[in-house]
C-alpha atoms as a PDB file:
ATOM      1  CA  MET A   1      37.492 163.854 128.852  1.00  0.00           C
ATOM      2  CA  THR A   2      39.677 161.038 130.480  1.00  0.00           C
ATOM      3  CA  ALA A   3      43.097 160.991 129.179  1.00  0.00           C
ATOM      4  CA  ALA A   4      42.746 157.292 128.173  1.00  0.00           C
ATOM      5  CA  VAL A   5      40.379 158.285 125.438  1.00  0.00           C
ATOM      6  CA  SER A   6      41.956 159.702 122.077  1.00  0.00           C
ATOM      7  CA  LYS A   7      40.540 162.280 119.861  1.00  0.00           C
ATOM      8  CA  SER A   8      40.860 159.518 116.904  1.00  0.00           C
ATOM      9  CA  GLU A   9      38.946 157.157 119.010  1.00  0.00           C
ATOM     10  CA  ILE A  10      36.001 159.666 119.553  1.00  0.00           C
ATOM     11  CA  ARG A  11      36.101 160.499 115.855  1.00  0.00           C
ATOM     12  CA  SER A  12      35.934 156.834 114.833  1.00  0.00           C
ATOM     13  CA  LEU A  13      32.961 156.374 117.118  1.00  0.00           C
ATOM     14  CA  ALA A  14      31.132 159.425 115.362  1.00  0.00           C
ATOM     15  CA  GLU A  15      31.823 157.924 112.102  1.00  0.00           C
ATOM     16  CA  ALA A  16      30.625 154.746 113.067  1.00  0.00           C
ATOM     17  CA  LEU A  17      27.374 156.115 114.606  1.00  0.00           C
ATOM     18  CA  VAL A  18      26.623 158.159 111.536  1.00  0.00           C
ATOM     19  CA  ALA A  19      27.491 155.260 109.212  1.00  0.00           C
ATOM     20  CA  SER A  20      25.001 153.114 110.925  1.00  0.00           C
ATOM     21  CA  GLY A  21      22.349 154.925 109.235  1.00  0.00           C
ATOM     22  CA  LYS A  22      20.120 154.666 112.349  1.00  0.00           C
ATOM     23  CA  VAL A  23      18.172 157.545 113.938  1.00  0.00           C
ATOM     24  CA  ARG A  24      18.215 155.928 117.534  1.00  0.00           C
ATOM     25  CA  VAL A  25      21.149 153.705 118.636  1.00  0.00           C
ATOM     26  CA  THR A  26      20.732 151.720 121.737  1.00  0.00           C
ATOM     27  CA  ARG A  27      22.940 151.203 124.763  1.00  0.00           C
ATOM     28  CA  ARG A  28      23.782 147.703 123.588  1.00  0.00           C
ATOM     29  CA  GLU A  29      24.741 149.101 120.200  1.00  0.00           C
ATOM     30  CA  LEU A  30      26.819 151.776 121.702  1.00  0.00           C
ATOM     31  CA  THR A  31      28.845 149.322 123.728  1.00  0.00           C
ATOM     32  CA  ALA A  32      29.497 147.201 120.579  1.00  0.00           C
ATOM     33  CA  LEU A  33      30.597 150.275 118.512  1.00  0.00           C
ATOM     34  CA  TRP A  34      32.690 151.552 121.258  1.00  0.00           C
ATOM     35  CA  ALA A  35      34.383 148.082 121.494  1.00  0.00           C
ATOM     36  CA  ARG A  36      35.294 148.358 117.795  1.00  0.00           C
ATOM     37  CA  THR A  37      36.424 151.920 117.851  1.00  0.00           C
ATOM     38  CA  ALA A  38      38.520 151.790 121.290  1.00  0.00           C
ATOM     39  CA  PRO A  39      39.482 148.348 121.299  1.00  0.00           C
ATOM     40  CA  LYS A  40      42.401 148.797 123.763  1.00  0.00           C
ATOM     41  CA  LEU A  41      39.849 149.721 126.494  1.00  0.00           C
ATOM     42  CA  VAL A  42      37.895 146.544 126.113  1.00  0.00           C
ATOM     43  CA  GLY A  43      37.840 144.835 129.599  1.00  0.00           C
ATOM     44  CA  GLU A  44      39.647 147.655 131.158  1.00  0.00           C
ATOM     45  CA  PRO A  45      38.327 149.501 134.157  1.00  0.00           C
ATOM     46  CA  GLY A  46      37.984 152.792 132.104  1.00  0.00           C
ATOM     47  CA  GLN A  47      35.829 151.372 129.463  1.00  0.00           C
ATOM     48  CA  VAL A  48      32.616 152.521 130.630  1.00  0.00           C
ATOM     49  CA  ALA A  49      34.066 155.897 131.815  1.00  0.00           C
ATOM     50  CA  GLY A  50      35.836 156.241 128.195  1.00  0.00           C
ATOM     51  CA  LEU A  51      32.425 155.687 126.452  1.00  0.00           C
ATOM     52  CA  ALA A  52      30.633 158.081 128.707  1.00  0.00           C
ATOM     53  CA  ALA A  53      33.493 160.720 128.071  1.00  0.00           C
ATOM     54  CA  ALA A  54      33.200 160.189 124.326  1.00  0.00           C
ATOM     55  CA  LEU A  55      29.414 160.522 124.289  1.00  0.00           C
ATOM     56  CA  THR A  56      29.621 163.665 126.252  1.00  0.00           C
ATOM     57  CA  GLU A  57      32.112 165.246 123.603  1.00  0.00           C
ATOM     58  CA  LEU A  58      29.812 163.970 120.842  1.00  0.00           C
ATOM     59  CA  ALA A  59      26.818 165.615 122.307  1.00  0.00           C
ATOM     60  CA  SER A  60      28.657 168.898 122.799  1.00  0.00           C
ATOM     61  CA  ASP A  61      29.676 168.711 118.997  1.00  0.00           C
ATOM     62  CA  GLY A  62      26.171 168.114 117.826  1.00  0.00           C
ATOM     63  CA  VAL A  63      26.817 164.605 116.436  1.00  0.00           C
ATOM     64  CA  ILE A  64      24.342 162.969 118.934  1.00  0.00           C
ATOM     65  CA  LYS A  65      21.676 164.046 121.175  1.00  0.00           C
ATOM     66  CA  LEU A  66      21.668 162.460 124.914  1.00  0.00           C
ATOM     67  CA  PRO A  67      18.475 161.686 126.243  1.00  0.00           C
ATOM     68  CA  ALA A  68      16.727 163.861 129.153  1.00  0.00           C
ATOM     69  CA  GLY A  69      15.997 161.048 131.641  1.00  0.00           C
ATOM     70  CA  ALA A  70      16.558 157.505 130.024  1.00  0.00           C
ATOM     71  CA  TRP A  71      19.892 156.598 131.630  1.00  0.00           C
ATOM     72  CA  ASP A  72      21.109 153.273 132.819  1.00  0.00           C
ATOM     73  CA  THR A  73      22.393 153.595 136.381  1.00  0.00           C
ATOM     74  CA  SER A  74      23.753 150.168 136.918  1.00  0.00           C
ATOM     75  CA  THR A  75      27.120 151.661 135.586  1.00  0.00           C
ATOM     76  CA  PHE A  76      29.415 154.262 136.883  1.00  0.00           C
ATOM     77  CA  PRO A  77      29.301 156.763 135.458  1.00  0.00           C
ATOM     78  CA  ALA A  78      25.715 156.127 134.034  1.00  0.00           C
ATOM     79  CA  LEU A  79      25.250 155.694 130.425  1.00  0.00           C
ATOM     80  CA  PRO A  80      22.314 156.603 127.921  1.00  0.00           C
ATOM     81  CA  ARG A  81      19.867 153.892 127.223  1.00  0.00           C
ATOM     82  CA  SER A  82      19.953 155.240 123.692  1.00  0.00           C
ATOM     83  CA  VAL A  83      21.239 158.180 121.808  1.00  0.00           C
ATOM     84  CA  ARG A  84      19.732 159.937 118.764  1.00  0.00           C
ATOM     85  CA  ILE A  85      21.762 160.748 115.448  1.00  0.00           C
ATOM     86  CA  PRO A  86      20.334 164.161 113.993  1.00  0.00           C
ATOM     87  CA  ALA A  87      22.327 163.379 110.721  1.00  0.00           C
ATOM     88  CA  ALA A  88      20.628 160.017 110.279  1.00  0.00           C
ATOM     89  CA  ARG A  89      17.227 161.573 110.625  1.00  0.00           C
ATOM     90  CA  ARG A  90      18.082 164.296 107.761  1.00  0.00           C
ATOM     91  CA  ASP A  91      19.373 161.456 105.620  1.00  0.00           C
ATOM     92  CA  VAL A  92      16.115 159.761 106.061  1.00  0.00           C
ATOM     93  CA  ARG A  93      14.255 162.731 104.925  1.00  0.00           C
ATOM     94  CA  ALA A  94      16.422 163.498 102.092  1.00  0.00           C
ATOM     95  CA  ARG A  95      15.098 160.915  99.770  1.00  0.00           C
ATOM     96  CA  PRO A  96      14.531 163.084  96.354  1.00  0.00           C
ATOM     97  CA  TRP A  97      13.928 160.018  94.065  1.00  0.00           C
ATOM     98  CA  THR A  98      10.824 159.184  96.011  1.00  0.00           C
ATOM     99  CA  GLN A  99       9.135 162.588  95.022  1.00  0.00           C
ATOM    100  CA  PHE A 100      10.794 162.920  91.635  1.00  0.00           C
ATOM    101  CA  PRO A 101       8.381 162.789  88.627  1.00  0.00           C
ATOM    102  CA  TRP A 102       9.633 159.563  86.896  1.00  0.00           C
ATOM    103  CA  CYS A 103       8.412 158.334  83.498  1.00  0.00           C
ATOM    104  CA  GLY A 104       6.397 155.398  83.850  1.00  0.00           C
ATOM    105  CA  GLU A 105       9.198 153.084  82.587  1.00  0.00           C
ATOM    106  CA  LEU A 106      11.013 154.286  85.700  1.00  0.00           C
ATOM    107  CA  GLY A 107       8.323 154.306  88.098  1.00  0.00           C
ATOM    108  CA  TRP A 108      10.096 151.319  90.233  1.00  0.00           C
ATOM    109  CA  ILE A 109      12.752 153.988  91.331  1.00  0.00           C
ATOM    110  CA  ALA A 110      10.446 155.891  93.891  1.00  0.00           C
ATOM    111  CA  SER A 111      10.213 152.603  95.928  1.00  0.00           C
ATOM    112  CA  LEU A 112      14.060 151.955  96.178  1.00  0.00           C
ATOM    113  CA  ARG A 113      15.218 152.221  99.756  1.00  0.00           C
ATOM    114  CA  THR A 114      18.690 153.858  99.102  1.00  0.00           C
ATOM    115  CA  LEU A 115      20.170 155.703  95.984  1.00  0.00           C
ATOM    116  CA  SER A 116      23.634 157.440  95.860  1.00  0.00           C
ATOM    117  CA  ASN A 117      23.783 160.826  94.507  1.00  0.00           C
ATOM    118  CA  ALA A 118      25.706 159.776  91.403  1.00  0.00           C
ATOM    119  CA  GLN A 119      22.971 156.933  90.866  1.00  0.00           C
ATOM    120  CA  PHE A 120      20.170 159.645  91.024  1.00  0.00           C
ATOM    121  CA  ASN A 121      21.922 161.781  88.595  1.00  0.00           C
ATOM    122  CA  ASP A 122      22.342 158.869  86.197  1.00  0.00           C
ATOM    123  CA  LEU A 123      18.636 157.973  86.490  1.00  0.00           C
ATOM    124  CA  VAL A 124      17.541 161.716  86.010  1.00  0.00           C
ATOM    125  CA  ALA A 125      19.678 161.822  82.954  1.00  0.00           C
ATOM    126  CA  VAL A 126      17.788 158.626  81.610  1.00  0.00           C
ATOM    127  CA  ASN A 127      14.338 160.083  82.369  1.00  0.00           C
ATOM    128  CA  SER A 128      15.221 163.259  80.622  1.00  0.00           C
ATOM    129  CA  TRP A 129      15.957 161.310  77.554  1.00  0.00           C
ATOM    130  CA  LEU A 130      12.906 159.033  77.772  1.00  0.00           C
ATOM    131  CA  ALA A 131      10.800 162.181  77.865  1.00  0.00           C
ATOM    132  CA  ASP A 132      12.604 164.182  75.206  1.00  0.00           C
ATOM    133  CA  THR A 133      12.087 161.010  72.857  1.00  0.00           C
ATOM    134  CA  ARG A 134       8.560 160.080  73.772  1.00  0.00           C
ATOM    135  CA  GLY A 135       6.613 159.240  70.579  1.00  0.00           C
ATOM    136  CA  ILE A 136       9.713 159.315  68.321  1.00  0.00           C
ATOM    137  CA  ASP A 137      11.026 156.452  66.435  1.00  0.00           C
ATOM    138  CA  VAL A 138      14.613 156.227  68.042  1.00  0.00           C
ATOM    139  CA  PRO A 139      17.134 154.116  65.853  1.00  0.00           C
ATOM    140  CA  ILE A 140      18.904 151.418  67.531  1.00  0.00           C
ATOM    141  CA  VAL A 141      22.803 152.597  68.336  1.00  0.00           C
ATOM    142  CA  PRO A 142      25.869 150.909  69.737  1.00  0.00           C
ATOM    143  CA  MET A 143      25.768 151.362  73.595  1.00  0.00           C
ATOM    144  CA  ARG A 144      28.587 153.954  73.617  1.00  0.00           C
ATOM    145  CA  TYR A 145      26.856 156.187  71.223  1.00  0.00           C
ATOM    146  CA  ARG A 146      23.595 156.099  73.468  1.00  0.00           C
ATOM    147  CA  SER A 147      26.043 156.549  76.733  1.00  0.00           C
ATOM    148  CA  VAL A 148      27.453 159.716  75.294  1.00  0.00           C
ATOM    149  CA  GLN A 149      23.935 160.920  74.609  1.00  0.00           C
ATOM    150  CA  LEU A 150      22.906 160.109  78.002  1.00  0.00           C
ATOM    151  CA  PHE A 151      25.629 160.730  80.414  1.00  0.00           C
ATOM    152  CA  GLY A 152      28.609 162.647  78.378  1.00  0.00           C
ATOM    153  CA  ASP A 153      30.539 159.535  79.129  1.00  0.00           C
ATOM    154  CA  GLU A 154      30.888 156.674  76.461  1.00  0.00           C
ATOM    155  CA  LYS A 155      31.717 154.075  78.859  1.00  0.00           C
ATOM    156  CA  ARG A 156      29.356 154.879  81.637  1.00  0.00           C
ATOM    157  CA  LEU A 157      26.474 152.932  80.374  1.00  0.00           C
ATOM    158  CA  GLU A 158      28.726 149.679  79.869  1.00  0.00           C
ATOM    159  CA  ARG A 159      29.972 150.039  83.661  1.00  0.00           C
ATOM    160  CA  LEU A 160      26.411 150.359  84.623  1.00  0.00           C
ATOM    161  CA  ALA A 161      25.229 147.430  82.572  1.00  0.00           C
ATOM    162  CA  ARG A 162      28.167 145.336  84.130  1.00  0.00           C
ATOM    163  CA  SER A 163      27.921 145.944  87.810  1.00  0.00           C
ATOM    164  CA  SER A 164      25.003 148.075  88.717  1.00  0.00           C
ATOM    165  CA  PRO A 165      21.732 146.765  90.740  1.00  0.00           C
ATOM    166  CA  LEU A 166      19.981 149.388  88.743  1.00  0.00           C
ATOM    167  CA  PHE A 167      20.366 147.286  85.389  1.00  0.00           C
ATOM    168  CA  GLY A 168      18.389 144.285  84.661  1.00  0.00           C
ATOM    169  CA  PRO A 169      15.090 143.054  83.575  1.00  0.00           C
ATOM    170  CA  GLY A 170      12.288 145.429  84.571  1.00  0.00           C
ATOM    171  CA  LEU A 171      14.917 148.095  85.417  1.00  0.00           C
ATOM    172  CA  LEU A 172      17.438 149.929  83.211  1.00  0.00           C
ATOM    173  CA  ASN A 173      18.257 147.697  80.314  1.00  0.00           C
ATOM    174  CA  LEU A 174      19.567 148.070  76.644  1.00  0.00           C
ATOM    175  CA  GLU A 175      15.981 147.430  75.174  1.00  0.00           C
ATOM    176  CA  LEU A 176      14.630 150.495  76.956  1.00  0.00           C
ATOM    177  CA  LEU A 177      17.567 152.514  75.980  1.00  0.00           C
ATOM    178  CA  VAL A 178      17.117 151.436  72.398  1.00  0.00           C
ATOM    179  CA  CYS A 179      20.892 150.371  72.141  1.00  0.00           C
ATOM    180  CA  ARG A 180      22.999 147.355  71.496  1.00  0.00           C
ATOM    181  CA  ARG A 181      26.120 146.103  72.842  1.00  0.00           C
ATOM    182  CA  PHE A 182      28.152 145.283  69.626  1.00  0.00           C
ATOM    183  CA  PRO A 183      31.110 142.678  69.745  1.00  0.00           C
ATOM    184  CA  PRO A 184      34.613 143.723  68.731  1.00  0.00           C
ATOM    185  CA  PRO A 185      34.742 143.473  65.000  1.00  0.00           C
ATOM    186  CA  LEU A 186      37.070 141.072  63.200  1.00  0.00           C
ATOM    187  CA  ALA A 187      40.009 142.250  61.293  1.00  0.00           C
ATOM    188  CA  ALA A 188      39.278 140.215  57.932  1.00  0.00           C
ATOM    189  CA  ALA A 189      39.737 140.395  54.256  1.00  0.00           C
ATOM    190  CA  GLU A 190      38.170 138.433  51.295  1.00  0.00           C
ATOM    191  CA  VAL A 191      40.130 135.808  49.584  1.00  0.00           C
ATOM    192  CA  GLY A 192      37.650 134.079  47.555  1.00  0.00           C
ATOM    193  CA  SER A 193      33.949 133.378  46.790  1.00  0.00           C
ATOM    194  CA  GLY A 194      33.701 130.357  49.074  1.00  0.00           C
ATOM    195  CA  LEU A 195      31.417 130.460  52.304  1.00  0.00           C
ATOM    196  CA  ASP A 196      34.126 129.232  54.916  1.00  0.00           C
ATOM    197  CA  LEU A 197      36.172 131.341  57.191  1.00  0.00           C
ATOM    198  CA  LEU A 198      39.730 130.875  58.487  1.00  0.00           C
ATOM    199  CA  VAL A 199      40.611 132.715  61.556  1.00  0.00           C
ATOM    200  CA  VAL A 200      44.264 132.826  62.587  1.00  0.00           C
ATOM    201  CA  GLU A 201      45.683 133.903  65.899  1.00  0.00           C
ATOM    202  CA  ASN A 202      48.745 136.111  64.828  1.00  0.00           C
ATOM    203  CA  SER A 203      48.940 138.981  62.458  1.00  0.00           C
ATOM    204  CA  ASP A 204      51.929 138.090  60.568  1.00  0.00           C
ATOM    205  CA  THR A 205      49.932 134.710  59.619  1.00  0.00           C
ATOM    206  CA  TYR A 206      46.993 136.704  58.801  1.00  0.00           C
ATOM    207  CA  TRP A 207      48.853 138.452  56.040  1.00  0.00           C
ATOM    208  CA  VAL A 208      50.339 135.410  54.758  1.00  0.00           C
ATOM    209  CA  ALA A 209      47.260 133.658  54.730  1.00  0.00           C
ATOM    210  CA  VAL A 210      45.285 136.420  52.765  1.00  0.00           C
ATOM    211  CA  GLU A 211      48.149 136.726  50.087  1.00  0.00           C
ATOM    212  CA  ALA A 212      48.489 132.864  49.726  1.00  0.00           C
ATOM    213  CA  LEU A 213      44.702 132.354  49.307  1.00  0.00           C
ATOM    214  CA  ARG A 214      44.016 135.000  47.131  1.00  0.00           C
ATOM    215  CA  ASN A 215      46.682 134.090  44.837  1.00  0.00           C
ATOM    216  CA  HIS A 216      45.878 130.415  44.842  1.00  0.00           C
ATOM    217  CA  LEU A 217      44.632 129.495  41.481  1.00  0.00           C
ATOM    218  CA  THR A 218      42.869 126.297  42.353  1.00  0.00           C
ATOM    219  CA  ALA A 219      39.292 126.902  43.690  1.00  0.00           C
ATOM    220  CA  HIS A 220      38.778 126.552  47.184  1.00  0.00           C
ATOM    221  CA  PRO A 221      35.840 127.133  49.796  1.00  0.00           C
ATOM    222  CA  VAL A 222      37.467 129.906  51.909  1.00  0.00           C
ATOM    223  CA  GLY A 223      36.124 132.987  51.190  1.00  0.00           C
ATOM    224  CA  VAL A 224      37.563 135.197  54.055  1.00  0.00           C
ATOM    225  CA  VAL A 225      40.585 135.101  56.404  1.00  0.00           C
ATOM    226  CA  ALA A 226      40.188 136.814  59.729  1.00  0.00           C
ATOM    227  CA  TRP A 227      42.771 137.868  62.358  1.00  0.00           C
ATOM    228  CA  GLY A 228      41.390 136.820  65.898  1.00  0.00           C
ATOM    229  CA  CYS A 229      43.706 139.300  67.731  1.00  0.00           C
ATOM    230  CA  GLY A 230      45.249 136.579  69.834  1.00  0.00           C
ATOM    231  CA  LYS A 231      43.282 136.220  73.147  1.00  0.00           C
ATOM    232  CA  SER A 232      40.511 138.598  72.012  1.00  0.00           C
ATOM    233  CA  PHE A 233      38.929 136.111  69.598  1.00  0.00           C
ATOM    234  CA  PRO A 234      36.283 134.508  72.055  1.00  0.00           C
ATOM    235  CA  ALA A 235      35.043 138.091  72.793  1.00  0.00           C
ATOM    236  CA  GLN A 236      34.713 138.496  69.052  1.00  0.00           C
ATOM    237  CA  THR A 237      32.614 135.378  68.198  1.00  0.00           C
ATOM    238  CA  PRO A 238      29.389 137.071  68.190  1.00  0.00           C
ATOM    239  CA  THR A 239      30.425 139.093  65.279  1.00  0.00           C
ATOM    240  CA  LEU A 240      30.478 135.573  63.241  1.00  0.00           C
ATOM    241  CA  THR A 241      26.604 136.292  63.308  1.00  0.00           C
ATOM    242  CA  ILE A 242      26.497 139.624  62.367  1.00  0.00           C
ATOM    243  CA  ASP A 243      29.081 140.465  59.731  1.00  0.00           C
ATOM    244  CA  VAL A 244      32.611 139.355  58.518  1.00  0.00           C
ATOM    245  CA  ALA A 245      34.259 141.389  56.193  1.00  0.00           C
ATOM    246  CA  GLY A 246      31.036 143.091  54.711  1.00  0.00           C
ATOM    247  CA  ARG A 247      29.623 139.735  53.572  1.00  0.00           C
ATOM    248  CA  GLY A 248      27.090 139.296  56.729  1.00  0.00           C
ATOM    249  CA  PRO A 249      26.827 136.300  58.895  1.00  0.00           C
ATOM    250  CA  VAL A 250      29.363 133.419  58.074  1.00  0.00           C
ATOM    251  CA  GLY A 251      27.662 130.906  56.085  1.00  0.00           C
ATOM    252  CA  GLY A 252      30.119 128.130  55.938  1.00  0.00           C
ATOM    253  CA  THR A 253      32.550 126.543  58.457  1.00  0.00           C
ATOM    254  CA  VAL A 254      34.653 128.570  60.870  1.00  0.00           C
ATOM    255  CA  TRP A 255      38.111 127.190  60.779  1.00  0.00           C
ATOM    256  CA  TYR A 256      40.596 128.227  63.632  1.00  0.00           C
ATOM    257  CA  TRP A 257      44.234 127.980  63.778  1.00  0.00           C
ATOM    258  CA  GLY A 258      46.682 129.282  66.337  1.00  0.00           C
ATOM    259  CA  ASP A 259      50.025 128.546  68.105  1.00  0.00           C
ATOM    260  CA  MET A 260      50.644 124.955  69.397  1.00  0.00           C
ATOM    261  CA  ASP A 261      50.700 125.953  73.065  1.00  0.00           C
ATOM    262  CA  PRO A 262      48.454 126.157  76.022  1.00  0.00           C
ATOM    263  CA  GLU A 263      47.645 129.662  75.465  1.00  0.00           C
ATOM    264  CA  GLY A 264      46.921 129.330  71.818  1.00  0.00           C
ATOM    265  CA  LEU A 265      44.529 126.157  72.522  1.00  0.00           C
ATOM    266  CA  ALA A 266      42.887 127.858  75.309  1.00  0.00           C
ATOM    267  CA  ILE A 267      41.790 130.698  72.974  1.00  0.00           C
ATOM    268  CA  ALA A 268      40.542 128.039  70.491  1.00  0.00           C
ATOM    269  CA  VAL A 269      38.614 126.242  73.218  1.00  0.00           C
ATOM    270  CA  ASP A 270      37.144 129.532  74.686  1.00  0.00           C
ATOM    271  CA  ALA A 271      36.107 130.568  71.314  1.00  0.00           C
ATOM    272  CA  ALA A 272      34.336 127.277  70.304  1.00  0.00           C
ATOM    273  CA  THR A 273      32.544 127.442  73.756  1.00  0.00           C
ATOM    274  CA  ALA A 274      31.533 131.271  73.322  1.00  0.00           C
ATOM    275  CA  SER A 275      30.186 130.742  69.801  1.00  0.00           C
ATOM    276  CA  THR A 276      28.054 127.664  70.835  1.00  0.00           C
ATOM    277  CA  HIS A 277      26.622 129.319  73.900  1.00  0.00           C
ATOM    278  CA  LEU A 278      25.522 132.302  71.527  1.00  0.00           C
ATOM    279  CA  GLY A 279      24.024 129.788  68.905  1.00  0.00           C
ATOM    280  CA  GLY A 280      26.401 130.811  66.517  1.00  0.00           C
ATOM    281  CA  PRO A 281      28.683 128.583  64.067  1.00  0.00           C
ATOM    282  CA  PRO A 282      30.959 125.944  65.330  1.00  0.00           C
ATOM    283  CA  VAL A 283      34.500 126.787  65.484  1.00  0.00           C
ATOM    284  CA  ARG A 284      36.380 123.971  64.442  1.00  0.00           C
ATOM    285  CA  PRO A 285      40.257 123.061  64.062  1.00  0.00           C
ATOM    286  CA  ALA A 286      41.785 123.554  60.837  1.00  0.00           C
ATOM    287  CA  THR A 287      43.119 120.068  61.057  1.00  0.00           C
ATOM    288  CA  ALA A 288      45.651 119.923  58.281  1.00  0.00           C
ATOM    289  CA  LEU A 289      47.242 123.136  59.476  1.00  0.00           C
ATOM    290  CA  TRP A 290      47.641 122.179  63.027  1.00  0.00           C
ATOM    291  CA  ALA A 291      48.916 118.692  62.104  1.00  0.00           C
ATOM    292  CA  ALA A 292      51.600 120.633  60.077  1.00  0.00           C
ATOM    293  CA  MET A 293      52.802 121.891  63.278  1.00  0.00           C
ATOM    294  CA  ALA A 294      53.728 118.507  64.444  1.00  0.00           C
ATOM    295  CA  ASP A 295      56.626 118.130  62.018  1.00  0.00           C
ATOM    296  CA  ARG A 296      58.121 121.608  62.955  1.00  0.00           C
ATOM    297  CA  PRO A 297      61.137 121.982  65.240  1.00  0.00           C
ATOM    298  CA  VAL A 298      60.096 122.325  68.999  1.00  0.00           C
ATOM    299  CA  GLN A 299      60.542 125.819  70.533  1.00  0.00           C
ATOM    300  CA  ALA A 300      61.148 126.893  73.920  1.00  0.00           C
ATOM    301  CA  VAL A 301      62.038 123.551  75.145  1.00  0.00           C
ATOM    302  CA  GLY A 302      61.661 123.102  78.923  1.00  0.00           C
ATOM    303  CA  THR A 303      59.819 126.124  79.469  1.00  0.00           C
ATOM    304  CA  VAL A 304      56.138 125.341  78.861  1.00  0.00           C
ATOM    305  CA  THR A 305      53.738 123.896  81.533  1.00  0.00           C
ATOM    306  CA  TRP A 306      51.144 121.761  79.503  1.00  0.00           C
ATOM    307  CA  SER A 307      47.713 120.291  80.583  1.00  0.00           C
ATOM    308  CA  ASP A 308      45.222 118.327  78.577  1.00  0.00           C
ATOM    309  CA  ILE A 309      43.741 121.767  77.274  1.00  0.00           C
ATOM    310  CA  GLY A 310      42.281 121.469  73.826  1.00  0.00           C
ATOM    311  CA  ARG A 311      42.128 117.469  73.810  1.00  0.00           C
ATOM    312  CA  GLU A 312      38.529 117.244  72.947  1.00  0.00           C
ATOM    313  CA  TRP A 313      38.545 120.268  70.533  1.00  0.00           C
ATOM    314  CA  LEU A 314      41.407 119.025  68.508  1.00  0.00           C
ATOM    315  CA  GLY A 315      40.176 115.480  68.723  1.00  0.00           C
ATOM    316  CA  ARG A 316      42.151 112.464  70.076  1.00  0.00           C
ATOM    317  CA  ASP A 317      44.251 111.583  66.953  1.00  0.00           C
ATOM    318  CA  LEU A 318      45.418 115.200  66.323  1.00  0.00           C
ATOM    319  CA  HIS A 319      45.890 115.790  69.929  1.00  0.00           C
ATOM    320  CA  ALA A 320      48.267 112.642  70.150  1.00  0.00           C
ATOM    321  CA  ASN A 321      50.292 113.990  67.223  1.00  0.00           C
ATOM    322  CA  PHE A 322      51.829 116.610  69.839  1.00  0.00           C
ATOM    323  CA  ALA A 323      52.924 114.204  72.248  1.00  0.00           C
ATOM    324  CA  ALA A 324      56.510 114.822  71.544  1.00  0.00           C
ATOM    325  CA  VAL A 325      55.687 118.732  71.944  1.00  0.00           C
ATOM    326  CA  ARG A 326      54.298 118.221  75.181  1.00  0.00           C
ATOM    327  CA  SER A 327      56.947 115.881  76.518  1.00  0.00           C
ATOM    328  CA  ALA A 328      59.464 118.278  75.478  1.00  0.00           C
ATOM    329  CA  ARG A 329      57.696 121.099  77.481  1.00  0.00           C
ATOM    330  CA  GLY A 330      57.891 123.137  74.353  1.00  0.00           C
ATOM    331  CA  ARG A 331      55.613 124.901  71.810  1.00  0.00           C
ATOM    332  CA  VAL A 332      55.449 125.433  67.980  1.00  0.00           C
ATOM    333  CA  ALA A 333      54.420 128.997  66.497  1.00  0.00           C
ATOM    334  CA  GLN A 334      52.084 129.112  63.694  1.00  0.00           C
ATOM    335  CA  GLU A 335      54.656 131.135  61.704  1.00  0.00           C
ATOM    336  CA  ALA A 336      56.816 128.065  61.649  1.00  0.00           C
ATOM    337  CA  VAL A 337      54.336 126.538  58.854  1.00  0.00           C
ATOM    338  CA  PRO A 338      55.053 127.557  55.335  1.00  0.00           C
ATOM    339  CA  ALA A 339      52.509 129.235  53.322  1.00  0.00           C
ATOM    340  CA  THR A 340      52.298 126.501  50.833  1.00  0.00           C
ATOM    341  CA  VAL A 341      50.650 124.307  53.605  1.00  0.00           C
ATOM    342  CA  ILE A 342      47.906 126.953  53.853  1.00  0.00           C
ATOM    343  CA  THR A 343      46.995 126.708  50.226  1.00  0.00           C
ATOM    344  CA  GLU A 344      47.372 122.945  50.112  1.00  0.00           C
ATOM    345  CA  TRP A 345      44.869 122.774  53.282  1.00  0.00           C
ATOM    346  CA  ALA A 346      42.269 125.073  51.561  1.00  0.00           C
ATOM    347  CA  ALA A 347      42.426 123.323  48.092  1.00  0.00           C
ATOM    348  CA  ALA A 348      41.662 119.998  50.093  1.00  0.00           C
ATOM    349  CA  LEU A 349      38.488 121.218  51.685  1.00  0.00           C
ATOM    350  CA  ARG A 350      35.282 120.068  50.450  1.00  0.00           C
ATOM    351  CA  PRO A 351      33.104 122.893  48.800  1.00  0.00           C
ATOM    352  CA  HIS A 352      29.668 123.449  50.096  1.00  0.00           C
ATOM    353  CA  ARG A 353      26.664 122.711  48.277  1.00  0.00           C
ATOM    354  CA  GLY A 354      26.090 125.139  45.469  1.00  0.00           C
ATOM    355  CA  GLU A 355      29.615 125.987  45.171  1.00  0.00           C
ATOM    356  CA  PRO A 356      31.856 125.291  42.442  1.00  0.00           C
ATOM    357  CA  ALA A 357      34.248 122.282  42.827  1.00  0.00           C
END
């Protein structure tokens, strides 16, 4: 080995050759790999000699096999026209998924070109479950329950569904695994017999609204108050079509009220968009509650960066009410609004058909 070639460069060349996955690597490919692994020799007189020395050492270590007679003598020293990588040949042969007795639903796996050991183990676990439950009426369960059954890891299936190329139509899917991705539940409390739902951004406001509307003597159409858990509400909107407070899907209007700041409005807009895309109920602004914030002192003056977020969702008139808040680069928390405003808002709502006025 020439002094110009380091052990680390030879090791890097070996790793690059094996990582190529090729059984046969040509002279041109060898030169390109050597340029990447020993860039200091590119263009130097010792570049070819260094590659020849590295290949000799790799052949001695069994990493490559040099040809018996196919050498390029146009260089000095001569270089092989190609080398063979024994490890790559072994990898090609070691494809256990192509011979595995898959269930019919997983027959597509045998035609995959590559599969990691972890993926193979995951698919074997799924195959075993499918075989064990063949002919059995398997009940639908939440995704994480099935994930524990399959992998002993409640989050493994969620990760596969989110990013694995093995997951999709005709491949692994929730229908095949008889499970369902349930949205995060809404913390909610029943406050009356009405069909409407009031969702609030903050936890203290949730408790204030629950107490105010439960104890309000005048009939109102708000049946449930829910806490949107701040930024979590957009992810919770599928729950609106499943169950809120044990009353099933929301049958009336979903009213939303949060902080008057860019983040609070972004939550509202994102939730309204998410519910619309899911075919759920519209998420509308609780107009009088938002409007009441315009009369409260502006907080955090000079610290808030505003945009036009929420303009369309609030509506032009309500959005205009907060021009002073935006100009002051401030915000208003929903906790600044007294509980009496919540009861007045609810009492002013029109009942739905069939509800007592």
